[in-house]
Protein backbone atom coordinates (compact mmCIF):
# COMPACT_ATOMS: atom_id res chain seq x y z
CA UNK A 1 0.00 0.00 0.00
CA UNK A 2 1.13 3.53 -0.65
CA UNK A 3 1.89 5.93 2.16
CA UNK A 4 -1.20 7.74 3.40
CA UNK A 5 -0.58 11.47 3.60
CA UNK A 6 -1.93 13.09 6.76
CA UNK A 7 -4.12 16.17 6.28
CA UNK A 8 -2.31 19.42 7.02
CA UNK A 9 -3.24 21.10 10.29
CA UNK A 10 -2.63 24.53 8.74
CA UNK A 11 -3.20 25.44 5.11
CA UNK A 12 -1.87 28.97 5.40
CA UNK A 13 1.12 30.56 7.12
CA UNK A 14 0.29 31.56 10.68
CA UNK A 15 2.42 34.71 10.57
CA UNK A 16 -0.10 37.56 10.73
CA UNK A 17 1.57 39.68 8.05
CA UNK A 18 2.04 36.77 5.60
CA UNK A 19 -0.91 34.43 5.06
CA UNK A 20 0.70 32.60 2.10
CA UNK A 21 -0.21 28.99 1.49
CA UNK A 22 2.09 26.48 3.19
CA UNK A 23 3.93 24.41 0.52
CA UNK A 24 2.93 20.77 0.22
CA UNK A 25 6.56 19.75 0.79
CA UNK A 26 6.36 21.00 4.38
CA UNK A 27 5.56 18.69 7.28
CA UNK A 28 1.89 18.13 7.98
CA UNK A 29 2.15 20.06 11.27
CA UNK A 30 4.05 23.02 9.77
CA UNK A 31 2.67 26.40 10.82
CA UNK A 32 4.79 28.69 8.61
CA UNK A 33 5.53 28.81 4.90
CA UNK A 34 9.23 29.66 5.29
CA UNK A 35 11.92 29.65 7.95
CA UNK A 36 11.97 33.44 7.71
CA UNK A 37 8.32 33.65 8.74
CA UNK A 38 8.91 31.21 11.58
CA UNK A 39 11.87 33.21 12.91
CA UNK A 40 9.96 36.49 12.62
CA UNK A 41 6.98 35.12 14.54
CA UNK A 42 9.22 33.68 17.27
CA UNK A 43 10.98 37.04 17.59
CA UNK A 44 7.61 38.82 17.82
CA UNK A 45 6.44 36.45 20.54
CA UNK A 46 9.68 36.94 22.47
CA UNK A 47 9.39 40.74 22.20
CA UNK A 48 5.76 40.64 23.36
CA UNK A 49 6.78 38.62 26.40
CA UNK A 50 9.91 40.68 27.13
CA UNK A 51 9.11 44.42 26.89
CA UNK A 52 12.36 45.31 28.67
CA UNK A 53 14.32 43.74 25.82
CA UNK A 54 12.40 45.84 23.29
CA UNK A 55 13.11 49.02 25.28
CA UNK A 56 16.83 48.22 25.39
CA UNK A 57 16.93 47.52 21.65
CA UNK A 58 15.13 50.76 20.81
CA UNK A 59 17.52 52.71 22.98
CA UNK A 60 20.47 50.99 21.31
CA UNK A 61 19.18 52.01 17.85
CA UNK A 62 18.68 55.58 19.12
CA UNK A 63 22.24 55.66 20.48
CA UNK A 64 23.72 54.35 17.23
CA UNK A 65 21.87 56.97 15.14
CA UNK A 66 22.91 59.70 17.53
CA UNK A 67 26.53 58.56 17.39
CA UNK A 68 26.47 58.54 13.58
CA UNK A 69 25.21 62.15 13.58
CA UNK A 70 27.33 63.64 16.35
CA UNK A 71 30.11 61.17 17.12
CA UNK A 72 28.94 60.65 20.72
CA UNK A 73 25.91 59.67 22.80
CA UNK A 74 26.28 62.29 25.53
CA UNK A 75 22.97 64.10 25.09
CA UNK A 76 20.39 61.39 24.36
CA UNK A 77 18.67 61.80 27.73
CA UNK A 78 19.19 65.57 27.78
CA UNK A 79 19.06 67.05 24.26
CA UNK A 80 18.99 70.60 25.65
CA UNK A 81 22.48 70.08 27.03
CA UNK A 82 23.99 69.96 23.54
CA UNK A 83 24.55 73.59 22.62
CA UNK A 84 25.96 72.55 19.22
CA UNK A 85 22.69 70.90 18.14
CA UNK A 86 20.45 73.52 16.53
CA UNK A 87 17.52 71.10 16.74
CA UNK A 88 17.88 70.46 20.48
CA UNK A 89 14.57 72.17 21.30
CA UNK A 90 12.74 69.93 18.82
CA UNK A 91 14.51 66.80 20.06
CA UNK A 92 13.56 67.63 23.62
CA UNK A 93 9.90 67.55 22.49
CA UNK A 94 10.34 64.25 20.64
CA UNK A 95 10.77 65.63 17.12
CA UNK A 96 13.71 66.10 14.77
CA UNK A 97 13.34 69.69 13.56
CA UNK A 98 11.54 72.95 14.18
CA UNK A 99 9.37 72.38 11.09
CA UNK A 100 8.14 69.06 12.53
CA UNK A 101 7.25 70.78 15.80
CA UNK A 102 5.39 73.56 13.93
CA UNK A 103 3.32 71.03 11.97
CA UNK A 104 2.54 69.01 15.10
CA UNK A 105 1.39 72.16 16.89
CA UNK A 106 -0.78 73.06 13.88
CA UNK A 107 -2.55 69.68 13.96
CA UNK A 108 -2.99 69.85 17.73
CA UNK A 109 -4.51 73.35 17.48
CA UNK A 110 -6.97 72.13 14.83
CA UNK A 111 -7.87 69.11 16.94
CA UNK A 112 -6.71 66.71 14.22
CA UNK A 113 -5.49 63.34 15.48
CA UNK A 114 -2.27 62.22 13.81
CA UNK A 115 0.47 59.63 14.07
CA UNK A 116 4.14 60.62 14.09
CA UNK A 117 6.65 58.01 12.87
CA UNK A 118 4.40 55.21 14.14
CA UNK A 119 4.68 52.72 11.29
CA UNK A 120 7.13 51.63 8.61
CA UNK A 121 6.91 51.41 4.84
CA UNK A 122 9.02 48.74 3.16
CA UNK A 123 10.77 49.33 -0.14
CA UNK A 124 13.48 47.52 -2.05
CA UNK A 125 16.78 48.74 -3.42
CA UNK A 126 19.17 45.78 -3.47
CA UNK A 127 17.64 44.68 -0.17
CA UNK A 128 14.47 45.35 1.77
CA UNK A 129 14.60 48.66 3.62
CA UNK A 130 12.06 50.62 5.62
CA UNK A 131 11.30 54.22 6.40
CA UNK A 132 8.91 55.80 8.88
CA UNK A 133 6.63 58.57 7.52
CA UNK A 134 6.52 61.76 9.58
CA UNK A 135 2.75 62.25 9.85
CA UNK A 136 -0.27 60.15 8.92
CA UNK A 137 -3.59 62.04 8.87
CA UNK A 138 -6.94 60.40 9.70
CA UNK A 139 -7.84 60.35 5.98
CA UNK A 140 -4.72 58.30 5.21
CA UNK A 141 -2.69 61.11 3.64
CA UNK A 142 1.01 60.83 4.52
CA UNK A 143 2.87 64.10 5.09
CA UNK A 144 6.67 64.36 4.97
CA UNK A 145 8.23 67.53 6.35
CA UNK A 146 11.49 68.59 4.75
CA UNK A 147 13.93 71.36 5.44
CA UNK A 148 16.74 69.91 3.34
CA UNK A 149 15.76 67.47 0.60
CA UNK A 150 18.96 65.63 -0.26
CA UNK A 151 19.61 63.20 -3.12
CA UNK A 152 19.20 60.12 -0.91
CA UNK A 153 15.73 61.30 0.15
CA UNK A 154 14.71 61.95 -3.45
CA UNK A 155 15.91 58.53 -4.58
CA UNK A 156 14.10 56.84 -1.69
CA UNK A 157 10.80 58.54 -2.44
CA UNK A 158 10.98 57.69 -6.14
CA UNK A 159 11.41 54.01 -5.19
CA UNK A 160 8.58 54.18 -2.66
CA UNK A 161 6.24 55.82 -5.18
CA UNK A 162 7.03 53.18 -7.79
CA UNK A 163 6.62 50.26 -5.39
CA UNK A 164 3.62 51.66 -3.46
CA UNK A 165 1.47 53.63 -5.94
CA UNK A 166 -1.50 53.23 -3.57
CA UNK A 167 0.07 55.56 -0.97
CA UNK A 168 -0.74 59.28 -0.99
CA UNK A 169 2.53 60.88 0.14
CA UNK A 170 2.87 64.67 0.14
CA UNK A 171 5.60 67.10 1.19
CA UNK A 172 5.68 70.21 3.36
CA UNK A 173 8.91 72.15 2.80
CA UNK A 174 10.50 74.95 4.75
CA UNK A 175 11.11 76.50 1.34
CA UNK A 176 10.00 74.70 -1.82
CA UNK A 177 11.97 77.22 -3.93
CA UNK A 178 15.29 75.97 -2.53
CA UNK A 179 17.47 74.30 -5.18
CA UNK A 180 18.12 70.55 -5.08
CA UNK A 181 21.87 71.19 -5.46
CA UNK A 182 24.10 74.22 -5.49
CA UNK A 183 24.01 75.80 -8.92
CA UNK A 184 21.01 73.76 -10.07
CA UNK A 185 18.01 75.45 -11.67
CA UNK A 186 15.67 72.75 -10.28
CA UNK A 187 13.92 73.58 -7.01
CA UNK A 188 12.32 71.17 -4.55
CA UNK A 189 8.95 72.21 -5.95
CA UNK A 190 10.10 71.57 -9.53
CA UNK A 191 11.23 68.09 -8.54
CA UNK A 192 7.82 67.37 -6.97
CA UNK A 193 5.98 68.60 -10.08
CA UNK A 194 8.13 66.38 -12.29
CA UNK A 195 7.83 63.35 -9.99
CA UNK A 196 4.10 63.64 -9.38
CA UNK A 197 4.17 64.71 -5.73
CA UNK A 198 1.86 67.29 -4.15
CA UNK A 199 3.66 69.80 -1.91
CA UNK A 200 3.20 72.92 0.21
CA UNK A 201 5.29 75.34 2.28
CA UNK A 202 5.53 75.85 6.06
CA UNK A 203 2.28 74.17 7.16
CA UNK A 204 -0.18 71.51 6.01
CA UNK A 205 -2.91 73.15 3.89
CA UNK A 206 -6.29 72.77 5.58
CA UNK A 207 -7.79 71.40 2.37
CA UNK A 208 -5.49 68.38 2.76
CA UNK A 209 -6.91 67.78 6.23
CA UNK A 210 -10.51 68.09 5.01
CA UNK A 211 -9.89 66.03 1.90
CA UNK A 212 -11.38 62.57 1.65
CA UNK A 213 -8.22 60.57 1.20
CA UNK A 214 -7.35 56.89 1.18
CA UNK A 215 -7.86 55.14 4.49
CA UNK A 216 -4.87 53.30 5.93
C-alpha atoms as a PDB file:
ATOM      1  CA  UNK A   1       0.000   0.000   0.000  1.00  0.00           C
ATOM      2  CA  UNK A   2       1.134   3.529  -0.654  1.00  0.00           C
ATOM      3  CA  UNK A   3       1.886   5.925   2.159  1.00  0.00           C
ATOM      4  CA  UNK A   4      -1.201   7.741   3.399  1.00  0.00           C
ATOM      5  CA  UNK A   5      -0.580  11.466   3.604  1.00  0.00           C
ATOM      6  CA  UNK A   6      -1.932  13.094   6.755  1.00  0.00           C
ATOM      7  CA  UNK A   7      -4.116  16.175   6.281  1.00  0.00           C
ATOM      8  CA  UNK A   8      -2.309  19.421   7.022  1.00  0.00           C
ATOM      9  CA  UNK A   9      -3.235  21.104  10.287  1.00  0.00           C
ATOM     10  CA  UNK A  10      -2.630  24.532   8.743  1.00  0.00           C
ATOM     11  CA  UNK A  11      -3.203  25.441   5.112  1.00  0.00           C
ATOM     12  CA  UNK A  12      -1.865  28.966   5.397  1.00  0.00           C
ATOM     13  CA  UNK A  13       1.123  30.560   7.120  1.00  0.00           C
ATOM     14  CA  UNK A  14       0.291  31.561  10.684  1.00  0.00           C
ATOM     15  CA  UNK A  15       2.418  34.707  10.568  1.00  0.00           C
ATOM     16  CA  UNK A  16      -0.101  37.555  10.734  1.00  0.00           C
ATOM     17  CA  UNK A  17       1.567  39.681   8.046  1.00  0.00           C
ATOM     18  CA  UNK A  18       2.042  36.770   5.603  1.00  0.00           C
ATOM     19  CA  UNK A  19      -0.910  34.435   5.057  1.00  0.00           C
ATOM     20  CA  UNK A  20       0.702  32.604   2.099  1.00  0.00           C
ATOM     21  CA  UNK A  21      -0.207  28.993   1.486  1.00  0.00           C
ATOM     22  CA  UNK A  22       2.085  26.485   3.192  1.00  0.00           C
ATOM     23  CA  UNK A  23       3.930  24.414   0.517  1.00  0.00           C
ATOM     24  CA  UNK A  24       2.929  20.771   0.223  1.00  0.00           C
ATOM     25  CA  UNK A  25       6.556  19.752   0.788  1.00  0.00           C
ATOM     26  CA  UNK A  26       6.358  20.996   4.383  1.00  0.00           C
ATOM     27  CA  UNK A  27       5.563  18.689   7.283  1.00  0.00           C
ATOM     28  CA  UNK A  28       1.891  18.128   7.985  1.00  0.00           C
ATOM     29  CA  UNK A  29       2.146  20.059  11.273  1.00  0.00           C
ATOM     30  CA  UNK A  30       4.054  23.025   9.773  1.00  0.00           C
ATOM     31  CA  UNK A  31       2.666  26.402  10.818  1.00  0.00           C
ATOM     32  CA  UNK A  32       4.791  28.689   8.612  1.00  0.00           C
ATOM     33  CA  UNK A  33       5.525  28.809   4.899  1.00  0.00           C
ATOM     34  CA  UNK A  34       9.229  29.659   5.291  1.00  0.00           C
ATOM     35  CA  UNK A  35      11.918  29.647   7.949  1.00  0.00           C
ATOM     36  CA  UNK A  36      11.973  33.439   7.708  1.00  0.00           C
ATOM     37  CA  UNK A  37       8.316  33.647   8.742  1.00  0.00           C
ATOM     38  CA  UNK A  38       8.908  31.205  11.581  1.00  0.00           C
ATOM     39  CA  UNK A  39      11.870  33.207  12.913  1.00  0.00           C
ATOM     40  CA  UNK A  40       9.958  36.491  12.617  1.00  0.00           C
ATOM     41  CA  UNK A  41       6.978  35.115  14.541  1.00  0.00           C
ATOM     42  CA  UNK A  42       9.221  33.684  17.271  1.00  0.00           C
ATOM     43  CA  UNK A  43      10.977  37.039  17.594  1.00  0.00           C
ATOM     44  CA  UNK A  44       7.611  38.822  17.823  1.00  0.00           C
ATOM     45  CA  UNK A  45       6.438  36.445  20.537  1.00  0.00           C
ATOM     46  CA  UNK A  46       9.684  36.944  22.468  1.00  0.00           C
ATOM     47  CA  UNK A  47       9.392  40.744  22.200  1.00  0.00           C
ATOM     48  CA  UNK A  48       5.759  40.640  23.357  1.00  0.00           C
ATOM     49  CA  UNK A  49       6.776  38.620  26.405  1.00  0.00           C
ATOM     50  CA  UNK A  50       9.910  40.681  27.131  1.00  0.00           C
ATOM     51  CA  UNK A  51       9.111  44.424  26.891  1.00  0.00           C
ATOM     52  CA  UNK A  52      12.364  45.309  28.675  1.00  0.00           C
ATOM     53  CA  UNK A  53      14.316  43.740  25.817  1.00  0.00           C
ATOM     54  CA  UNK A  54      12.397  45.841  23.292  1.00  0.00           C
ATOM     55  CA  UNK A  55      13.109  49.019  25.277  1.00  0.00           C
ATOM     56  CA  UNK A  56      16.831  48.217  25.394  1.00  0.00           C
ATOM     57  CA  UNK A  57      16.927  47.515  21.648  1.00  0.00           C
ATOM     58  CA  UNK A  58      15.134  50.761  20.810  1.00  0.00           C
ATOM     59  CA  UNK A  59      17.523  52.714  22.980  1.00  0.00           C
ATOM     60  CA  UNK A  60      20.475  50.985  21.307  1.00  0.00           C
ATOM     61  CA  UNK A  61      19.182  52.011  17.854  1.00  0.00           C
ATOM     62  CA  UNK A  62      18.681  55.576  19.116  1.00  0.00           C
ATOM     63  CA  UNK A  63      22.236  55.663  20.480  1.00  0.00           C
ATOM     64  CA  UNK A  64      23.718  54.353  17.226  1.00  0.00           C
ATOM     65  CA  UNK A  65      21.866  56.965  15.139  1.00  0.00           C
ATOM     66  CA  UNK A  66      22.914  59.704  17.533  1.00  0.00           C
ATOM     67  CA  UNK A  67      26.530  58.560  17.395  1.00  0.00           C
ATOM     68  CA  UNK A  68      26.469  58.539  13.580  1.00  0.00           C
ATOM     69  CA  UNK A  69      25.205  62.146  13.583  1.00  0.00           C
ATOM     70  CA  UNK A  70      27.331  63.642  16.353  1.00  0.00           C
ATOM     71  CA  UNK A  71      30.115  61.173  17.116  1.00  0.00           C
ATOM     72  CA  UNK A  72      28.943  60.646  20.718  1.00  0.00           C
ATOM     73  CA  UNK A  73      25.909  59.670  22.798  1.00  0.00           C
ATOM     74  CA  UNK A  74      26.279  62.292  25.529  1.00  0.00           C
ATOM     75  CA  UNK A  75      22.968  64.098  25.091  1.00  0.00           C
ATOM     76  CA  UNK A  76      20.386  61.394  24.358  1.00  0.00           C
ATOM     77  CA  UNK A  77      18.667  61.803  27.727  1.00  0.00           C
ATOM     78  CA  UNK A  78      19.185  65.571  27.783  1.00  0.00           C
ATOM     79  CA  UNK A  79      19.062  67.048  24.256  1.00  0.00           C
ATOM     80  CA  UNK A  80      18.994  70.601  25.652  1.00  0.00           C
ATOM     81  CA  UNK A  81      22.483  70.076  27.027  1.00  0.00           C
ATOM     82  CA  UNK A  82      23.987  69.956  23.543  1.00  0.00           C
ATOM     83  CA  UNK A  83      24.552  73.588  22.625  1.00  0.00           C
ATOM     84  CA  UNK A  84      25.964  72.547  19.219  1.00  0.00           C
ATOM     85  CA  UNK A  85      22.686  70.901  18.143  1.00  0.00           C
ATOM     86  CA  UNK A  86      20.451  73.523  16.526  1.00  0.00           C
ATOM     87  CA  UNK A  87      17.519  71.099  16.737  1.00  0.00           C
ATOM     88  CA  UNK A  88      17.877  70.460  20.478  1.00  0.00           C
ATOM     89  CA  UNK A  89      14.574  72.169  21.299  1.00  0.00           C
ATOM     90  CA  UNK A  90      12.741  69.935  18.817  1.00  0.00           C
ATOM     91  CA  UNK A  91      14.512  66.803  20.059  1.00  0.00           C
ATOM     92  CA  UNK A  92      13.558  67.632  23.623  1.00  0.00           C
ATOM     93  CA  UNK A  93       9.900  67.548  22.492  1.00  0.00           C
ATOM     94  CA  UNK A  94      10.342  64.248  20.637  1.00  0.00           C
ATOM     95  CA  UNK A  95      10.774  65.628  17.117  1.00  0.00           C
ATOM     96  CA  UNK A  96      13.715  66.097  14.771  1.00  0.00           C
ATOM     97  CA  UNK A  97      13.339  69.690  13.563  1.00  0.00           C
ATOM     98  CA  UNK A  98      11.544  72.949  14.177  1.00  0.00           C
ATOM     99  CA  UNK A  99       9.368  72.379  11.094  1.00  0.00           C
ATOM    100  CA  UNK A 100       8.139  69.058  12.529  1.00  0.00           C
ATOM    101  CA  UNK A 101       7.249  70.785  15.804  1.00  0.00           C
ATOM    102  CA  UNK A 102       5.394  73.556  13.930  1.00  0.00           C
ATOM    103  CA  UNK A 103       3.318  71.026  11.968  1.00  0.00           C
ATOM    104  CA  UNK A 104       2.539  69.008  15.096  1.00  0.00           C
ATOM    105  CA  UNK A 105       1.386  72.165  16.886  1.00  0.00           C
ATOM    106  CA  UNK A 106      -0.784  73.063  13.876  1.00  0.00           C
ATOM    107  CA  UNK A 107      -2.550  69.685  13.955  1.00  0.00           C
ATOM    108  CA  UNK A 108      -2.991  69.848  17.727  1.00  0.00           C
ATOM    109  CA  UNK A 109      -4.515  73.348  17.479  1.00  0.00           C
ATOM    110  CA  UNK A 110      -6.970  72.134  14.832  1.00  0.00           C
ATOM    111  CA  UNK A 111      -7.872  69.106  16.944  1.00  0.00           C
ATOM    112  CA  UNK A 112      -6.709  66.712  14.215  1.00  0.00           C
ATOM    113  CA  UNK A 113      -5.489  63.341  15.481  1.00  0.00           C
ATOM    114  CA  UNK A 114      -2.274  62.219  13.811  1.00  0.00           C
ATOM    115  CA  UNK A 115       0.466  59.631  14.075  1.00  0.00           C
ATOM    116  CA  UNK A 116       4.144  60.622  14.091  1.00  0.00           C
ATOM    117  CA  UNK A 117       6.652  58.014  12.871  1.00  0.00           C
ATOM    118  CA  UNK A 118       4.399  55.206  14.140  1.00  0.00           C
ATOM    119  CA  UNK A 119       4.680  52.723  11.289  1.00  0.00           C
ATOM    120  CA  UNK A 120       7.127  51.630   8.613  1.00  0.00           C
ATOM    121  CA  UNK A 121       6.905  51.409   4.837  1.00  0.00           C
ATOM    122  CA  UNK A 122       9.016  48.740   3.160  1.00  0.00           C
ATOM    123  CA  UNK A 123      10.773  49.331  -0.138  1.00  0.00           C
ATOM    124  CA  UNK A 124      13.485  47.522  -2.054  1.00  0.00           C
ATOM    125  CA  UNK A 125      16.784  48.744  -3.420  1.00  0.00           C
ATOM    126  CA  UNK A 126      19.174  45.784  -3.467  1.00  0.00           C
ATOM    127  CA  UNK A 127      17.643  44.684  -0.170  1.00  0.00           C
ATOM    128  CA  UNK A 128      14.469  45.350   1.766  1.00  0.00           C
ATOM    129  CA  UNK A 129      14.598  48.664   3.617  1.00  0.00           C
ATOM    130  CA  UNK A 130      12.057  50.622   5.624  1.00  0.00           C
ATOM    131  CA  UNK A 131      11.305  54.224   6.404  1.00  0.00           C
ATOM    132  CA  UNK A 132       8.908  55.805   8.884  1.00  0.00           C
ATOM    133  CA  UNK A 133       6.631  58.571   7.519  1.00  0.00           C
ATOM    134  CA  UNK A 134       6.515  61.763   9.584  1.00  0.00           C
ATOM    135  CA  UNK A 135       2.747  62.245   9.849  1.00  0.00           C
ATOM    136  CA  UNK A 136      -0.270  60.147   8.919  1.00  0.00           C
ATOM    137  CA  UNK A 137      -3.586  62.039   8.874  1.00  0.00           C
ATOM    138  CA  UNK A 138      -6.943  60.396   9.699  1.00  0.00           C
ATOM    139  CA  UNK A 139      -7.837  60.350   5.979  1.00  0.00           C
ATOM    140  CA  UNK A 140      -4.719  58.297   5.213  1.00  0.00           C
ATOM    141  CA  UNK A 141      -2.690  61.113   3.639  1.00  0.00           C
ATOM    142  CA  UNK A 142       1.010  60.831   4.520  1.00  0.00           C
ATOM    143  CA  UNK A 143       2.869  64.099   5.086  1.00  0.00           C
ATOM    144  CA  UNK A 144       6.668  64.361   4.971  1.00  0.00           C
ATOM    145  CA  UNK A 145       8.226  67.534   6.350  1.00  0.00           C
ATOM    146  CA  UNK A 146      11.495  68.594   4.753  1.00  0.00           C
ATOM    147  CA  UNK A 147      13.928  71.358   5.440  1.00  0.00           C
ATOM    148  CA  UNK A 148      16.740  69.910   3.345  1.00  0.00           C
ATOM    149  CA  UNK A 149      15.760  67.473   0.596  1.00  0.00           C
ATOM    150  CA  UNK A 150      18.958  65.634  -0.262  1.00  0.00           C
ATOM    151  CA  UNK A 151      19.614  63.201  -3.116  1.00  0.00           C
ATOM    152  CA  UNK A 152      19.199  60.118  -0.909  1.00  0.00           C
ATOM    153  CA  UNK A 153      15.725  61.298   0.147  1.00  0.00           C
ATOM    154  CA  UNK A 154      14.705  61.954  -3.449  1.00  0.00           C
ATOM    155  CA  UNK A 155      15.907  58.534  -4.577  1.00  0.00           C
ATOM    156  CA  UNK A 156      14.100  56.835  -1.689  1.00  0.00           C
ATOM    157  CA  UNK A 157      10.799  58.537  -2.442  1.00  0.00           C
ATOM    158  CA  UNK A 158      10.983  57.689  -6.137  1.00  0.00           C
ATOM    159  CA  UNK A 159      11.407  54.012  -5.194  1.00  0.00           C
ATOM    160  CA  UNK A 160       8.576  54.178  -2.656  1.00  0.00           C
ATOM    161  CA  UNK A 161       6.241  55.819  -5.185  1.00  0.00           C
ATOM    162  CA  UNK A 162       7.028  53.181  -7.794  1.00  0.00           C
ATOM    163  CA  UNK A 163       6.619  50.259  -5.388  1.00  0.00           C
ATOM    164  CA  UNK A 164       3.625  51.658  -3.456  1.00  0.00           C
ATOM    165  CA  UNK A 165       1.466  53.627  -5.937  1.00  0.00           C
ATOM    166  CA  UNK A 166      -1.500  53.230  -3.566  1.00  0.00           C
ATOM    167  CA  UNK A 167       0.071  55.562  -0.975  1.00  0.00           C
ATOM    168  CA  UNK A 168      -0.739  59.279  -0.995  1.00  0.00           C
ATOM    169  CA  UNK A 169       2.534  60.879   0.143  1.00  0.00           C
ATOM    170  CA  UNK A 170       2.873  64.670   0.143  1.00  0.00           C
ATOM    171  CA  UNK A 171       5.603  67.102   1.195  1.00  0.00           C
ATOM    172  CA  UNK A 172       5.675  70.210   3.357  1.00  0.00           C
ATOM    173  CA  UNK A 173       8.909  72.147   2.800  1.00  0.00           C
ATOM    174  CA  UNK A 174      10.504  74.950   4.751  1.00  0.00           C
ATOM    175  CA  UNK A 175      11.106  76.505   1.339  1.00  0.00           C
ATOM    176  CA  UNK A 176      10.003  74.703  -1.824  1.00  0.00           C
ATOM    177  CA  UNK A 177      11.969  77.221  -3.930  1.00  0.00           C
ATOM    178  CA  UNK A 178      15.295  75.969  -2.531  1.00  0.00           C
ATOM    179  CA  UNK A 179      17.467  74.297  -5.178  1.00  0.00           C
ATOM    180  CA  UNK A 180      18.125  70.555  -5.082  1.00  0.00           C
ATOM    181  CA  UNK A 181      21.871  71.187  -5.455  1.00  0.00           C
ATOM    182  CA  UNK A 182      24.101  74.218  -5.485  1.00  0.00           C
ATOM    183  CA  UNK A 183      24.006  75.797  -8.920  1.00  0.00           C
ATOM    184  CA  UNK A 184      21.014  73.758 -10.075  1.00  0.00           C
ATOM    185  CA  UNK A 185      18.013  75.452 -11.674  1.00  0.00           C
ATOM    186  CA  UNK A 186      15.673  72.754 -10.276  1.00  0.00           C
ATOM    187  CA  UNK A 187      13.922  73.576  -7.014  1.00  0.00           C
ATOM    188  CA  UNK A 188      12.320  71.169  -4.550  1.00  0.00           C
ATOM    189  CA  UNK A 189       8.947  72.209  -5.955  1.00  0.00           C
ATOM    190  CA  UNK A 190      10.099  71.573  -9.534  1.00  0.00           C
ATOM    191  CA  UNK A 191      11.234  68.088  -8.541  1.00  0.00           C
ATOM    192  CA  UNK A 192       7.821  67.371  -6.968  1.00  0.00           C
ATOM    193  CA  UNK A 193       5.981  68.597 -10.075  1.00  0.00           C
ATOM    194  CA  UNK A 194       8.132  66.381 -12.293  1.00  0.00           C
ATOM    195  CA  UNK A 195       7.834  63.352  -9.988  1.00  0.00           C
ATOM    196  CA  UNK A 196       4.098  63.637  -9.382  1.00  0.00           C
ATOM    197  CA  UNK A 197       4.173  64.713  -5.733  1.00  0.00           C
ATOM    198  CA  UNK A 198       1.864  67.292  -4.155  1.00  0.00           C
ATOM    199  CA  UNK A 199       3.657  69.802  -1.913  1.00  0.00           C
ATOM    200  CA  UNK A 200       3.199  72.917   0.205  1.00  0.00           C
ATOM    201  CA  UNK A 201       5.289  75.336   2.285  1.00  0.00           C
ATOM    202  CA  UNK A 202       5.532  75.852   6.057  1.00  0.00           C
ATOM    203  CA  UNK A 203       2.279  74.165   7.163  1.00  0.00           C
ATOM    204  CA  UNK A 204      -0.178  71.508   6.014  1.00  0.00           C
ATOM    205  CA  UNK A 205      -2.911  73.149   3.886  1.00  0.00           C
ATOM    206  CA  UNK A 206      -6.289  72.774   5.579  1.00  0.00           C
ATOM    207  CA  UNK A 207      -7.795  71.399   2.367  1.00  0.00           C
ATOM    208  CA  UNK A 208      -5.491  68.382   2.760  1.00  0.00           C
ATOM    209  CA  UNK A 209      -6.906  67.778   6.231  1.00  0.00           C
ATOM    210  CA  UNK A 210     -10.515  68.090   5.006  1.00  0.00           C
ATOM    211  CA  UNK A 211      -9.890  66.027   1.902  1.00  0.00           C
ATOM    212  CA  UNK A 212     -11.385  62.571   1.646  1.00  0.00           C
ATOM    213  CA  UNK A 213      -8.221  60.568   1.197  1.00  0.00           C
ATOM    214  CA  UNK A 214      -7.350  56.893   1.183  1.00  0.00           C
ATOM    215  CA  UNK A 215      -7.863  55.138   4.495  1.00  0.00           C
ATOM    216  CA  UNK A 216      -4.871  53.298   5.925  1.00  0.00           C
END
